[in-house]
Amino acid sequence: MHAVNVSTLKNNPTQALQWAAQSPVWVMNRDRPQAVITGVDSAGGMDAPHVKLAMAAALFKDGGLSLVRGAKLAGCSLGEFMRYLSMHGIPVIDMTEEEAAQEIANLDAWLQK
């Protein structure tokens, strides 16, 4: 187990990530623990059914991943990932009614050419 302070983590995050692949790394703020970094592979469970899919969906929903990167992380096709998101009430496309109407108008104009 390792410990790093916040400034060390800020200046050299690679070292903490390398350590986290082996065992948990405590992030210290002055003399108090503030967070724990755990390597995904060392934590286990990433290969359990649907774990990657659920993680990818949560990261996509929060804006941390694009749709394509989410599908890659989940290990499924783009269509499968989009269906999964839709089944869980996560919008695949986020736009206002006005933006959608403009996109449809643009598509219609393009199809007319």
N, C-alpha and C. Protein backbone atom coordinates (compact mmCIF):
# COMPACT_ATOMS: atom_id res chain seq x y z
N MET A 1 0.86 -1.17 0.00
CA MET A 1 0.00 0.00 0.00
C MET A 1 0.90 1.23 0.00
N HIS A 2 0.46 2.24 -0.75
CA HIS A 2 1.23 3.48 -0.87
C HIS A 2 0.37 4.66 -0.46
N ALA A 3 1.04 5.76 -0.21
CA ALA A 3 0.35 7.02 0.08
C ALA A 3 1.05 8.13 -0.68
N VAL A 4 0.25 9.05 -1.23
CA VAL A 4 0.79 10.22 -1.90
C VAL A 4 0.05 11.43 -1.39
N ASN A 5 0.72 12.57 -1.39
CA ASN A 5 0.01 13.78 -1.02
C ASN A 5 -0.59 14.41 -2.27
N VAL A 6 -1.49 15.33 -2.09
CA VAL A 6 -2.23 15.91 -3.21
C VAL A 6 -1.29 16.56 -4.22
N SER A 7 -0.29 17.30 -3.75
CA SER A 7 0.60 17.98 -4.69
C SER A 7 1.43 16.99 -5.49
N THR A 8 1.85 15.89 -4.89
CA THR A 8 2.58 14.86 -5.63
C THR A 8 1.68 14.22 -6.68
N LEU A 9 0.44 13.97 -6.30
CA LEU A 9 -0.51 13.40 -7.25
C LEU A 9 -0.73 14.34 -8.42
N LYS A 10 -0.84 15.62 -8.13
CA LYS A 10 -1.04 16.62 -9.18
C LYS A 10 0.16 16.69 -10.12
N ASN A 11 1.36 16.63 -9.57
CA ASN A 11 2.58 16.76 -10.37
C ASN A 11 2.97 15.48 -11.10
N ASN A 12 2.62 14.32 -10.54
CA ASN A 12 3.02 13.06 -11.15
C ASN A 12 1.94 11.99 -10.93
N PRO A 13 0.82 12.11 -11.62
CA PRO A 13 -0.25 11.13 -11.42
C PRO A 13 0.12 9.74 -11.92
N THR A 14 1.06 9.65 -12.86
CA THR A 14 1.43 8.35 -13.42
C THR A 14 1.96 7.41 -12.36
N GLN A 15 2.77 7.90 -11.46
CA GLN A 15 3.33 7.05 -10.41
C GLN A 15 2.23 6.47 -9.54
N ALA A 16 1.27 7.31 -9.14
CA ALA A 16 0.17 6.83 -8.30
C ALA A 16 -0.66 5.78 -9.05
N LEU A 17 -0.88 5.99 -10.35
CA LEU A 17 -1.64 5.01 -11.13
C LEU A 17 -0.89 3.69 -11.26
N GLN A 18 0.42 3.76 -11.40
CA GLN A 18 1.21 2.53 -11.46
C GLN A 18 1.12 1.77 -10.14
N TRP A 19 1.22 2.49 -9.04
CA TRP A 19 1.09 1.85 -7.72
C TRP A 19 -0.30 1.26 -7.54
N ALA A 20 -1.32 2.00 -8.02
CA ALA A 20 -2.71 1.55 -7.84
C ALA A 20 -2.98 0.25 -8.58
N ALA A 21 -2.19 -0.05 -9.61
CA ALA A 21 -2.35 -1.32 -10.31
C ALA A 21 -1.97 -2.49 -9.41
N GLN A 22 -1.15 -2.21 -8.40
CA GLN A 22 -0.68 -3.26 -7.49
C GLN A 22 -1.51 -3.34 -6.20
N SER A 23 -1.79 -2.18 -5.63
CA SER A 23 -2.53 -2.12 -4.36
C SER A 23 -3.11 -0.72 -4.19
N PRO A 24 -4.06 -0.55 -3.27
CA PRO A 24 -4.67 0.77 -3.08
C PRO A 24 -3.64 1.85 -2.73
N VAL A 25 -3.89 3.06 -3.22
CA VAL A 25 -3.03 4.21 -2.94
C VAL A 25 -3.88 5.24 -2.19
N TRP A 26 -3.42 5.62 -1.03
CA TRP A 26 -4.11 6.65 -0.24
C TRP A 26 -3.63 8.02 -0.68
N VAL A 27 -4.57 8.90 -0.95
CA VAL A 27 -4.25 10.29 -1.29
C VAL A 27 -4.44 11.11 -0.03
N MET A 28 -3.35 11.73 0.41
CA MET A 28 -3.36 12.47 1.67
C MET A 28 -3.43 13.98 1.41
N ASN A 29 -4.25 14.65 2.18
CA ASN A 29 -4.31 16.11 2.16
C ASN A 29 -3.81 16.56 3.52
N ARG A 30 -2.59 17.04 3.53
CA ARG A 30 -1.84 17.32 4.76
C ARG A 30 -1.68 15.99 5.51
N ASP A 31 -2.25 15.84 6.66
CA ASP A 31 -2.08 14.59 7.40
C ASP A 31 -3.35 13.74 7.45
N ARG A 32 -4.30 14.06 6.56
CA ARG A 32 -5.57 13.32 6.56
C ARG A 32 -5.79 12.63 5.22
N PRO A 33 -6.25 11.40 5.25
CA PRO A 33 -6.58 10.73 4.00
C PRO A 33 -7.80 11.38 3.35
N GLN A 34 -7.72 11.63 2.06
CA GLN A 34 -8.81 12.29 1.36
C GLN A 34 -9.49 11.37 0.35
N ALA A 35 -8.71 10.46 -0.23
CA ALA A 35 -9.28 9.55 -1.23
C ALA A 35 -8.41 8.30 -1.31
N VAL A 36 -8.97 7.31 -1.98
CA VAL A 36 -8.23 6.08 -2.25
C VAL A 36 -8.32 5.81 -3.74
N ILE A 37 -7.18 5.51 -4.35
CA ILE A 37 -7.15 5.13 -5.76
C ILE A 37 -6.93 3.63 -5.80
N THR A 38 -7.81 2.95 -6.50
CA THR A 38 -7.70 1.50 -6.64
C THR A 38 -7.66 1.17 -8.12
N GLY A 39 -6.71 0.37 -8.52
CA GLY A 39 -6.62 -0.06 -9.90
C GLY A 39 -7.81 -0.93 -10.26
N VAL A 40 -8.37 -0.70 -11.42
CA VAL A 40 -9.55 -1.45 -11.84
C VAL A 40 -9.26 -2.94 -11.91
N ASP A 41 -8.15 -3.31 -12.51
CA ASP A 41 -7.83 -4.73 -12.64
C ASP A 41 -7.54 -5.38 -11.29
N SER A 42 -6.87 -4.66 -10.40
CA SER A 42 -6.55 -5.25 -9.09
C SER A 42 -7.77 -5.33 -8.19
N ALA A 43 -8.78 -4.51 -8.46
CA ALA A 43 -10.00 -4.54 -7.63
C ALA A 43 -10.82 -5.78 -7.92
N GLY A 44 -10.66 -6.36 -9.11
CA GLY A 44 -11.44 -7.54 -9.48
C GLY A 44 -12.87 -7.16 -9.81
N GLY A 45 -13.58 -8.07 -10.37
CA GLY A 45 -14.98 -7.84 -10.65
C GLY A 45 -15.27 -7.17 -11.97
N MET A 46 -14.25 -6.66 -12.67
CA MET A 46 -14.51 -5.98 -13.95
C MET A 46 -14.98 -6.95 -15.01
N ASP A 47 -14.70 -8.23 -14.84
CA ASP A 47 -15.12 -9.20 -15.83
C ASP A 47 -16.47 -9.82 -15.49
N ALA A 48 -17.05 -9.41 -14.38
CA ALA A 48 -18.38 -9.92 -14.04
C ALA A 48 -19.38 -9.42 -15.09
N PRO A 49 -20.42 -10.20 -15.34
CA PRO A 49 -21.38 -9.80 -16.38
C PRO A 49 -21.95 -8.40 -16.13
N HIS A 50 -21.96 -7.62 -17.16
CA HIS A 50 -22.59 -6.30 -17.19
C HIS A 50 -21.88 -5.21 -16.38
N VAL A 51 -20.77 -5.50 -15.74
CA VAL A 51 -20.08 -4.47 -14.96
C VAL A 51 -19.53 -3.39 -15.88
N LYS A 52 -18.85 -3.79 -16.95
CA LYS A 52 -18.30 -2.81 -17.87
C LYS A 52 -19.41 -2.02 -18.56
N LEU A 53 -20.49 -2.70 -18.88
CA LEU A 53 -21.62 -2.05 -19.53
C LEU A 53 -22.24 -1.00 -18.61
N ALA A 54 -22.44 -1.35 -17.35
CA ALA A 54 -23.01 -0.40 -16.39
C ALA A 54 -22.06 0.77 -16.14
N MET A 55 -20.76 0.50 -16.05
CA MET A 55 -19.78 1.55 -15.84
C MET A 55 -19.75 2.50 -17.04
N ALA A 56 -19.76 1.93 -18.24
CA ALA A 56 -19.74 2.75 -19.45
C ALA A 56 -20.99 3.62 -19.53
N ALA A 57 -22.13 3.06 -19.17
CA ALA A 57 -23.38 3.83 -19.19
C ALA A 57 -23.33 4.98 -18.20
N ALA A 58 -22.84 4.72 -17.00
CA ALA A 58 -22.75 5.77 -15.99
C ALA A 58 -21.78 6.87 -16.42
N LEU A 59 -20.66 6.48 -16.99
CA LEU A 59 -19.69 7.48 -17.46
C LEU A 59 -20.23 8.28 -18.63
N PHE A 60 -20.97 7.63 -19.54
CA PHE A 60 -21.59 8.34 -20.65
C PHE A 60 -22.63 9.33 -20.13
N LYS A 61 -23.46 8.87 -19.21
CA LYS A 61 -24.52 9.72 -18.66
C LYS A 61 -23.95 10.97 -18.00
N ASP A 62 -22.82 10.82 -17.32
CA ASP A 62 -22.20 11.95 -16.62
C ASP A 62 -21.30 12.79 -17.53
N GLY A 63 -21.19 12.41 -18.79
CA GLY A 63 -20.38 13.19 -19.73
C GLY A 63 -18.92 12.83 -19.75
N GLY A 64 -18.55 11.73 -19.09
CA GLY A 64 -17.14 11.35 -19.04
C GLY A 64 -16.67 10.55 -20.24
N LEU A 65 -17.61 10.02 -21.03
CA LEU A 65 -17.27 9.25 -22.21
C LEU A 65 -18.19 9.62 -23.36
N SER A 66 -17.65 9.55 -24.56
CA SER A 66 -18.50 9.71 -25.74
C SER A 66 -19.27 8.41 -25.96
N LEU A 67 -20.22 8.46 -26.85
CA LEU A 67 -21.02 7.27 -27.16
C LEU A 67 -20.14 6.14 -27.70
N VAL A 68 -19.23 6.47 -28.60
CA VAL A 68 -18.36 5.46 -29.20
C VAL A 68 -17.41 4.88 -28.16
N ARG A 69 -16.81 5.73 -27.35
CA ARG A 69 -15.88 5.23 -26.32
C ARG A 69 -16.62 4.41 -25.27
N GLY A 70 -17.86 4.79 -24.97
CA GLY A 70 -18.67 4.01 -24.05
C GLY A 70 -18.91 2.61 -24.57
N ALA A 71 -19.23 2.50 -25.85
CA ALA A 71 -19.45 1.19 -26.46
C ALA A 71 -18.17 0.35 -26.42
N LYS A 72 -17.03 0.99 -26.68
CA LYS A 72 -15.76 0.26 -26.64
C LYS A 72 -15.47 -0.24 -25.23
N LEU A 73 -15.67 0.63 -24.23
CA LEU A 73 -15.43 0.20 -22.84
C LEU A 73 -16.37 -0.94 -22.47
N ALA A 74 -17.62 -0.84 -22.90
CA ALA A 74 -18.61 -1.86 -22.57
C ALA A 74 -18.34 -3.17 -23.30
N GLY A 75 -17.55 -3.10 -24.38
CA GLY A 75 -17.25 -4.30 -25.14
C GLY A 75 -18.41 -4.77 -26.01
N CYS A 76 -19.18 -3.81 -26.50
CA CYS A 76 -20.32 -4.17 -27.35
C CYS A 76 -20.36 -3.23 -28.56
N SER A 77 -21.28 -3.51 -29.47
CA SER A 77 -21.41 -2.66 -30.64
C SER A 77 -22.06 -1.34 -30.24
N LEU A 78 -21.94 -0.37 -31.11
CA LEU A 78 -22.54 0.93 -30.86
C LEU A 78 -24.06 0.80 -30.73
N GLY A 79 -24.66 0.00 -31.60
CA GLY A 79 -26.11 -0.21 -31.55
C GLY A 79 -26.55 -0.86 -30.24
N GLU A 80 -25.80 -1.87 -29.80
CA GLU A 80 -26.13 -2.54 -28.53
C GLU A 80 -26.03 -1.57 -27.36
N PHE A 81 -24.99 -0.73 -27.39
CA PHE A 81 -24.81 0.24 -26.31
C PHE A 81 -25.94 1.27 -26.30
N MET A 82 -26.33 1.71 -27.48
CA MET A 82 -27.42 2.68 -27.57
C MET A 82 -28.73 2.07 -27.07
N ARG A 83 -28.99 0.80 -27.41
CA ARG A 83 -30.19 0.12 -26.91
C ARG A 83 -30.15 0.02 -25.39
N TYR A 84 -28.99 -0.34 -24.84
CA TYR A 84 -28.85 -0.46 -23.38
C TYR A 84 -29.14 0.88 -22.71
N LEU A 85 -28.57 1.96 -23.25
CA LEU A 85 -28.82 3.28 -22.68
C LEU A 85 -30.30 3.62 -22.73
N SER A 86 -30.92 3.39 -23.86
CA SER A 86 -32.35 3.70 -24.02
C SER A 86 -33.20 2.89 -23.05
N MET A 87 -32.88 1.62 -22.89
CA MET A 87 -33.65 0.77 -21.96
C MET A 87 -33.54 1.28 -20.52
N HIS A 88 -32.46 1.98 -20.21
CA HIS A 88 -32.25 2.49 -18.85
C HIS A 88 -32.57 3.98 -18.73
N GLY A 89 -33.25 4.52 -19.72
CA GLY A 89 -33.71 5.90 -19.66
C GLY A 89 -32.62 6.95 -19.79
N ILE A 90 -31.50 6.58 -20.38
CA ILE A 90 -30.39 7.51 -20.58
C ILE A 90 -30.46 8.01 -22.02
N PRO A 91 -30.71 9.31 -22.22
CA PRO A 91 -30.82 9.81 -23.58
C PRO A 91 -29.51 9.67 -24.35
N VAL A 92 -29.63 9.15 -25.56
CA VAL A 92 -28.46 8.98 -26.42
C VAL A 92 -28.11 10.30 -27.09
N ILE A 93 -29.13 11.06 -27.44
CA ILE A 93 -28.95 12.37 -28.07
C ILE A 93 -29.57 13.41 -27.16
N ASP A 94 -28.81 14.41 -26.84
CA ASP A 94 -29.28 15.45 -25.91
C ASP A 94 -29.40 16.76 -26.67
N MET A 95 -30.64 17.08 -27.09
CA MET A 95 -30.85 18.35 -27.77
C MET A 95 -32.26 18.85 -27.47
N THR A 96 -32.42 20.14 -27.64
CA THR A 96 -33.72 20.75 -27.40
C THR A 96 -34.65 20.46 -28.58
N GLU A 97 -35.94 20.76 -28.42
CA GLU A 97 -36.90 20.59 -29.51
C GLU A 97 -36.52 21.43 -30.72
N GLU A 98 -36.06 22.65 -30.44
CA GLU A 98 -35.68 23.54 -31.53
C GLU A 98 -34.47 22.99 -32.29
N GLU A 99 -33.50 22.47 -31.55
CA GLU A 99 -32.32 21.89 -32.20
C GLU A 99 -32.71 20.67 -33.04
N ALA A 100 -33.60 19.85 -32.52
CA ALA A 100 -34.06 18.66 -33.26
C ALA A 100 -34.78 19.08 -34.53
N ALA A 101 -35.65 20.10 -34.43
CA ALA A 101 -36.37 20.59 -35.60
C ALA A 101 -35.40 21.11 -36.65
N GLN A 102 -34.36 21.82 -36.22
CA GLN A 102 -33.36 22.35 -37.15
C GLN A 102 -32.59 21.21 -37.82
N GLU A 103 -32.25 20.18 -37.05
CA GLU A 103 -31.55 19.03 -37.62
C GLU A 103 -32.41 18.34 -38.67
N ILE A 104 -33.70 18.19 -38.39
CA ILE A 104 -34.61 17.56 -39.35
C ILE A 104 -34.72 18.42 -40.61
N ALA A 105 -34.82 19.74 -40.44
CA ALA A 105 -34.87 20.64 -41.58
C ALA A 105 -33.58 20.53 -42.41
N ASN A 106 -32.44 20.46 -41.74
CA ASN A 106 -31.17 20.32 -42.45
C ASN A 106 -31.13 19.01 -43.23
N LEU A 107 -31.61 17.93 -42.61
CA LEU A 107 -31.64 16.64 -43.28
C LEU A 107 -32.56 16.67 -44.49
N ASP A 108 -33.75 17.26 -44.32
CA ASP A 108 -34.68 17.37 -45.44
C ASP A 108 -34.05 18.14 -46.59
N ALA A 109 -33.40 19.26 -46.28
CA ALA A 109 -32.74 20.07 -47.32
C ALA A 109 -31.65 19.27 -48.01
N TRP A 110 -30.91 18.53 -47.27
CA TRP A 110 -29.83 17.72 -47.85
C TRP A 110 -30.39 16.62 -48.74
N LEU A 111 -31.49 15.99 -48.30
CA LEU A 111 -32.10 14.93 -49.09
C LEU A 111 -32.73 15.47 -50.38
N GLN A 112 -33.13 16.74 -50.39
CA GLN A 112 -33.71 17.34 -51.59
C GLN A 112 -32.68 17.56 -52.69
N LYS A 113 -31.41 17.63 -52.35
CA LYS A 113 -30.34 17.92 -53.33
C LYS A 113 -30.10 16.76 -54.26
